[in-house]
Amino acid sequence: MPVLPDVLQPDLDIIFCGTAPGTVSAQRGAYYANAGNAFWRTLFEVGLTPQQVSPVDFQSITQYKLGLTDLAKQVYGADSSLKKSDFAPNDLRRKILHCTPKVLAFTSKRAGQEFLGGKVHYGLQAEKIGNTVLFVLPSPSGLARSHWSIKPWCDLARLVNSVPSTSTIQSI
């Protein structure tokens, strides 16, 4: 049974994919629930939501054409505690092919690296899943504050807000 349920549906603008829920998120049963996590605040600050969503209202995120999942669905904890065998990249690929979002955005370099199988940079990636482009963001976790930058999050918001369909994103 997954630690947190996926919040997915077809034709979303962005599906955010973390590595695995943190301990506080698992305990509270909500994505990005630790007060030190900048996820919900950042979505609002970069214009992806019209107001700041509370972690307890995570299921409502689809009204903003956003979705949520994790690469490791059966475990929780800090990235440093996760093993390679915890991740299910093929399951994620199937979900993305089914839902066809414009963008799959990994909310940490670790998630992007585990999915893509090697080093990644922040921002738009060369790889795609069907017509879905891949984007890697700095982790909003308080544990990753030393690597934090809002710039890639702003770049993602600009990309999604300026492009009406996945077919147009292909040329960017």
C-alpha atoms as a PDB file:
ATOM      1  CA  MET A   1       0.000   0.000   0.000  1.00  0.00           C
ATOM      2  CA  PRO A   2       1.404   3.423  -0.909  1.00  0.00           C
ATOM      3  CA  VAL A   3       2.428   5.788   1.885  1.00  0.00           C
ATOM      4  CA  LEU A   4       0.542   8.625   0.135  1.00  0.00           C
ATOM      5  CA  PRO A   5      -2.018   8.281  -2.667  1.00  0.00           C
ATOM      6  CA  ASP A   6      -1.231   9.580  -6.127  1.00  0.00           C
ATOM      7  CA  VAL A   7      -3.118  12.731  -7.081  1.00  0.00           C
ATOM      8  CA  LEU A   8      -3.262  12.252 -10.832  1.00  0.00           C
ATOM      9  CA  GLN A   9      -5.653  12.649 -13.733  1.00  0.00           C
ATOM     10  CA  PRO A  10      -5.269  13.017 -17.491  1.00  0.00           C
ATOM     11  CA  ASP A  11      -4.115  16.252 -19.135  1.00  0.00           C
ATOM     12  CA  LEU A  12      -2.522  18.039 -16.193  1.00  0.00           C
ATOM     13  CA  ASP A  13       0.010  20.791 -16.812  1.00  0.00           C
ATOM     14  CA  ILE A  14       2.526  19.420 -14.306  1.00  0.00           C
ATOM     15  CA  ILE A  15       2.885  16.263 -12.279  1.00  0.00           C
ATOM     16  CA  PHE A  16       5.328  16.826  -9.419  1.00  0.00           C
ATOM     17  CA  CYS A  17       7.290  13.733  -8.462  1.00  0.00           C
ATOM     18  CA  GLY A  18       9.273  13.525  -5.243  1.00  0.00           C
ATOM     19  CA  THR A  19      11.617  10.768  -4.178  1.00  0.00           C
ATOM     20  CA  ALA A  20       9.442   9.515  -1.292  1.00  0.00           C
ATOM     21  CA  PRO A  21       7.339  11.195   1.389  1.00  0.00           C
ATOM     22  CA  GLY A  22       9.326  12.591   4.289  1.00  0.00           C
ATOM     23  CA  THR A  23       8.660  11.316   7.806  1.00  0.00           C
ATOM     24  CA  VAL A  24       6.390  14.252   8.742  1.00  0.00           C
ATOM     25  CA  SER A  25       4.411  13.891   5.499  1.00  0.00           C
ATOM     26  CA  ALA A  26       3.945  10.171   6.140  1.00  0.00           C
ATOM     27  CA  GLN A  27       2.818  10.816   9.720  1.00  0.00           C
ATOM     28  CA  ARG A  28       0.359  13.529   8.656  1.00  0.00           C
ATOM     29  CA  GLY A  29      -0.815  11.720   5.516  1.00  0.00           C
ATOM     30  CA  ALA A  30      -0.134  14.761   3.311  1.00  0.00           C
ATOM     31  CA  TYR A  31       2.413  15.709   0.668  1.00  0.00           C
ATOM     32  CA  TYR A  32       5.154  18.199   1.635  1.00  0.00           C
ATOM     33  CA  ALA A  33       3.647  18.572   5.125  1.00  0.00           C
ATOM     34  CA  ASN A  34       6.745  19.584   7.109  1.00  0.00           C
ATOM     35  CA  ALA A  35       6.581  23.284   8.058  1.00  0.00           C
ATOM     36  CA  GLY A  36      10.170  23.670   6.796  1.00  0.00           C
ATOM     37  CA  ASN A  37       9.250  22.451   3.310  1.00  0.00           C
ATOM     38  CA  ALA A  38       8.887  25.272   0.769  1.00  0.00           C
ATOM     39  CA  PHE A  39       6.789  23.319  -1.786  1.00  0.00           C
ATOM     40  CA  TRP A  40       3.342  24.852  -1.218  1.00  0.00           C
ATOM     41  CA  ARG A  41       4.676  28.363  -0.632  1.00  0.00           C
ATOM     42  CA  THR A  42       6.783  28.131  -3.807  1.00  0.00           C
ATOM     43  CA  LEU A  43       3.852  27.012  -5.978  1.00  0.00           C
ATOM     44  CA  PHE A  44       2.076  30.209  -4.942  1.00  0.00           C
ATOM     45  CA  GLU A  45       5.137  32.450  -5.204  1.00  0.00           C
ATOM     46  CA  VAL A  46       5.880  31.373  -8.794  1.00  0.00           C
ATOM     47  CA  GLY A  47       2.228  31.645  -9.855  1.00  0.00           C
ATOM     48  CA  LEU A  48       1.283  27.979 -10.235  1.00  0.00           C
ATOM     49  CA  THR A  49      -1.521  28.375  -7.669  1.00  0.00           C
ATOM     50  CA  PRO A  50      -3.578  31.544  -7.036  1.00  0.00           C
ATOM     51  CA  GLN A  51      -3.182  31.171  -3.262  1.00  0.00           C
ATOM     52  CA  GLN A  52      -1.038  29.064  -0.986  1.00  0.00           C
ATOM     53  CA  VAL A  53      -2.520  25.590  -0.661  1.00  0.00           C
ATOM     54  CA  SER A  54      -2.294  23.882   2.718  1.00  0.00           C
ATOM     55  CA  PRO A  55      -0.702  20.418   2.797  1.00  0.00           C
ATOM     56  CA  VAL A  56      -3.949  19.003   4.231  1.00  0.00           C
ATOM     57  CA  ASP A  57      -5.704  20.146   1.040  1.00  0.00           C
ATOM     58  CA  PHE A  58      -3.232  18.367  -1.264  1.00  0.00           C
ATOM     59  CA  GLN A  59      -6.031  16.430  -3.005  1.00  0.00           C
ATOM     60  CA  SER A  60      -7.408  19.721  -4.385  1.00  0.00           C
ATOM     61  CA  ILE A  61      -4.275  20.439  -6.401  1.00  0.00           C
ATOM     62  CA  THR A  62      -5.775  19.039  -9.609  1.00  0.00           C
ATOM     63  CA  GLN A  63      -8.039  22.098  -9.818  1.00  0.00           C
ATOM     64  CA  TYR A  64      -4.856  24.010 -10.720  1.00  0.00           C
ATOM     65  CA  LYS A  65      -3.931  21.376 -13.356  1.00  0.00           C
ATOM     66  CA  LEU A  66      -1.218  20.006 -11.062  1.00  0.00           C
ATOM     67  CA  GLY A  67      -0.673  16.467  -9.788  1.00  0.00           C
ATOM     68  CA  LEU A  68       1.445  14.669  -7.195  1.00  0.00           C
ATOM     69  CA  THR A  69       3.288  11.369  -6.925  1.00  0.00           C
ATOM     70  CA  ASP A  70       6.565   9.917  -5.662  1.00  0.00           C
ATOM     71  CA  LEU A  71       9.145   7.661  -7.262  1.00  0.00           C
ATOM     72  CA  ALA A  72       9.193   5.465  -4.132  1.00  0.00           C
ATOM     73  CA  LYS A  73       5.578   4.831  -3.107  1.00  0.00           C
ATOM     74  CA  GLN A  74       6.021   2.140  -0.446  1.00  0.00           C
ATOM     75  CA  VAL A  75       8.580   3.831   1.855  1.00  0.00           C
ATOM     76  CA  TYR A  76       9.169   7.194   3.496  1.00  0.00           C
ATOM     77  CA  GLY A  77      12.049   9.122   4.998  1.00  0.00           C
ATOM     78  CA  ALA A  78      14.962  11.329   4.042  1.00  0.00           C
ATOM     79  CA  ASP A  79      16.541  10.790   0.620  1.00  0.00           C
ATOM     80  CA  SER A  80      19.718   9.577   2.328  1.00  0.00           C
ATOM     81  CA  SER A  81      17.804   6.647   3.862  1.00  0.00           C
ATOM     82  CA  LEU A  82      16.364   5.397   0.554  1.00  0.00           C
ATOM     83  CA  LYS A  83      17.805   2.455  -1.381  1.00  0.00           C
ATOM     84  CA  LYS A  84      17.847   2.058  -5.152  1.00  0.00           C
ATOM     85  CA  SER A  85      15.436  -0.873  -4.789  1.00  0.00           C
ATOM     86  CA  ASP A  86      12.825   1.478  -3.212  1.00  0.00           C
ATOM     87  CA  PHE A  87      12.264   3.273  -6.523  1.00  0.00           C
ATOM     88  CA  ALA A  88       9.807   2.179  -9.220  1.00  0.00           C
ATOM     89  CA  PRO A  89      10.710   4.099 -12.399  1.00  0.00           C
ATOM     90  CA  ASN A  90       8.691   1.799 -14.668  1.00  0.00           C
ATOM     91  CA  ASP A  91       5.553   2.395 -12.591  1.00  0.00           C
ATOM     92  CA  LEU A  92       6.082   6.153 -12.904  1.00  0.00           C
ATOM     93  CA  ARG A  93       6.623   5.877 -16.664  1.00  0.00           C
ATOM     94  CA  ARG A  94       3.298   4.004 -17.023  1.00  0.00           C
ATOM     95  CA  LYS A  95       1.481   6.672 -14.974  1.00  0.00           C
ATOM     96  CA  ILE A  96       2.913   9.458 -17.138  1.00  0.00           C
ATOM     97  CA  LEU A  97       2.031   7.684 -20.395  1.00  0.00           C
ATOM     98  CA  HIS A  98      -1.525   7.235 -19.081  1.00  0.00           C
ATOM     99  CA  CYS A  99      -2.009  10.792 -17.733  1.00  0.00           C
ATOM    100  CA  THR A 100      -0.050  12.661 -20.451  1.00  0.00           C
ATOM    101  CA  PRO A 101       0.849  15.817 -18.500  1.00  0.00           C
ATOM    102  CA  LYS A 102       2.737  18.615 -20.246  1.00  0.00           C
ATOM    103  CA  VAL A 103       5.578  18.290 -17.720  1.00  0.00           C
ATOM    104  CA  LEU A 104       6.853  15.736 -15.231  1.00  0.00           C
ATOM    105  CA  ALA A 105       8.766  17.795 -12.663  1.00  0.00           C
ATOM    106  CA  PHE A 106      11.043  15.999 -10.225  1.00  0.00           C
ATOM    107  CA  THR A 107      11.188  17.860  -6.922  1.00  0.00           C
ATOM    108  CA  SER A 108      14.775  16.809  -6.242  1.00  0.00           C
ATOM    109  CA  LYS A 109      17.899  15.907  -8.150  1.00  0.00           C
ATOM    110  CA  ARG A 110      17.831  12.472  -6.489  1.00  0.00           C
ATOM    111  CA  ALA A 111      14.396  11.695  -7.958  1.00  0.00           C
ATOM    112  CA  GLY A 112      15.527  12.835 -11.399  1.00  0.00           C
ATOM    113  CA  GLN A 113      18.753  10.833 -11.183  1.00  0.00           C
ATOM    114  CA  GLU A 114      17.003   7.665 -10.041  1.00  0.00           C
ATOM    115  CA  PHE A 115      14.441   7.939 -12.837  1.00  0.00           C
ATOM    116  CA  LEU A 116      16.851   8.919 -15.616  1.00  0.00           C
ATOM    117  CA  GLY A 117      19.681   6.677 -14.459  1.00  0.00           C
ATOM    118  CA  GLY A 118      22.476   9.200 -14.112  1.00  0.00           C
ATOM    119  CA  LYS A 119      23.522  12.761 -13.461  1.00  0.00           C
ATOM    120  CA  VAL A 120      20.975  15.492 -14.144  1.00  0.00           C
ATOM    121  CA  HIS A 121      20.997  19.284 -14.139  1.00  0.00           C
ATOM    122  CA  TYR A 122      18.287  21.599 -12.858  1.00  0.00           C
ATOM    123  CA  GLY A 123      15.780  22.598 -15.490  1.00  0.00           C
ATOM    124  CA  LEU A 124      14.496  21.067 -18.699  1.00  0.00           C
ATOM    125  CA  GLN A 125      15.961  17.663 -19.577  1.00  0.00           C
ATOM    126  CA  ALA A 126      16.656  16.262 -23.053  1.00  0.00           C
ATOM    127  CA  GLU A 127      14.613  13.104 -22.362  1.00  0.00           C
ATOM    128  CA  LYS A 128      10.833  12.891 -22.723  1.00  0.00           C
ATOM    129  CA  ILE A 129       8.106  10.359 -21.981  1.00  0.00           C
ATOM    130  CA  GLY A 130       5.879  10.443 -25.044  1.00  0.00           C
ATOM    131  CA  ASN A 131       5.076  14.157 -25.418  1.00  0.00           C
ATOM    132  CA  THR A 132       5.737  14.881 -21.730  1.00  0.00           C
ATOM    133  CA  VAL A 133       8.888  16.889 -21.068  1.00  0.00           C
ATOM    134  CA  LEU A 134      10.976  16.280 -17.961  1.00  0.00           C
ATOM    135  CA  PHE A 135      12.139  18.998 -15.590  1.00  0.00           C
ATOM    136  CA  VAL A 136      14.336  18.755 -12.472  1.00  0.00           C
ATOM    137  CA  LEU A 137      13.857  21.167  -9.576  1.00  0.00           C
ATOM    138  CA  PRO A 138      15.867  21.843  -6.426  1.00  0.00           C
ATOM    139  CA  SER A 139      14.293  20.083  -3.468  1.00  0.00           C
ATOM    140  CA  PRO A 140      11.968  22.280  -1.407  1.00  0.00           C
ATOM    141  CA  SER A 141      12.792  20.207   1.694  1.00  0.00           C
ATOM    142  CA  GLY A 142      14.269  22.023   4.653  1.00  0.00           C
ATOM    143  CA  LEU A 143      16.958  19.309   4.698  1.00  0.00           C
ATOM    144  CA  ALA A 144      18.128  20.496   1.260  1.00  0.00           C
ATOM    145  CA  ARG A 145      18.110  24.221   2.029  1.00  0.00           C
ATOM    146  CA  SER A 146      21.791  24.587   1.087  1.00  0.00           C
ATOM    147  CA  HIS A 147      20.878  23.622  -2.511  1.00  0.00           C
ATOM    148  CA  TRP A 148      17.724  25.747  -2.689  1.00  0.00           C
ATOM    149  CA  SER A 149      17.051  28.132  -5.548  1.00  0.00           C
ATOM    150  CA  ILE A 150      13.664  29.394  -6.648  1.00  0.00           C
ATOM    151  CA  LYS A 151      14.946  30.179 -10.164  1.00  0.00           C
ATOM    152  CA  PRO A 152      14.273  26.714 -11.686  1.00  0.00           C
ATOM    153  CA  TRP A 153      10.783  26.825 -10.160  1.00  0.00           C
ATOM    154  CA  CYS A 154      10.203  30.204 -11.855  1.00  0.00           C
ATOM    155  CA  ASP A 155      11.530  28.751 -15.116  1.00  0.00           C
ATOM    156  CA  LEU A 156       9.057  25.863 -14.826  1.00  0.00           C
ATOM    157  CA  ALA A 157       6.133  28.218 -14.194  1.00  0.00           C
ATOM    158  CA  ARG A 158       7.116  30.365 -17.188  1.00  0.00           C
ATOM    159  CA  LEU A 159       7.414  27.274 -19.385  1.00  0.00           C
ATOM    160  CA  VAL A 160       3.988  25.942 -18.446  1.00  0.00           C
ATOM    161  CA  ASN A 161       2.205  29.306 -18.431  1.00  0.00           C
ATOM    162  CA  SER A 162       3.567  30.282 -21.837  1.00  0.00           C
ATOM    163  CA  VAL A 163       2.803  27.048 -23.649  1.00  0.00           C
ATOM    164  CA  PRO A 164      -0.776  25.993 -24.461  1.00  0.00           C
ATOM    165  CA  SER A 165      -0.147  22.337 -25.324  1.00  0.00           C
ATOM    166  CA  THR A 166       2.402  19.521 -25.088  1.00  0.00           C
ATOM    167  CA  SER A 167       2.969  19.633 -28.825  1.00  0.00           C
ATOM    168  CA  THR A 168       4.312  23.182 -28.520  1.00  0.00           C
ATOM    169  CA  ILE A 169       6.611  22.288 -25.606  1.00  0.00           C
ATOM    170  CA  GLN A 170       8.390  19.781 -27.872  1.00  0.00           C
ATOM    171  CA  SER A 171      10.042  22.603 -29.785  1.00  0.00           C
ATOM    172  CA  ILE A 172      11.433  24.395 -26.717  1.00  0.00           C
END
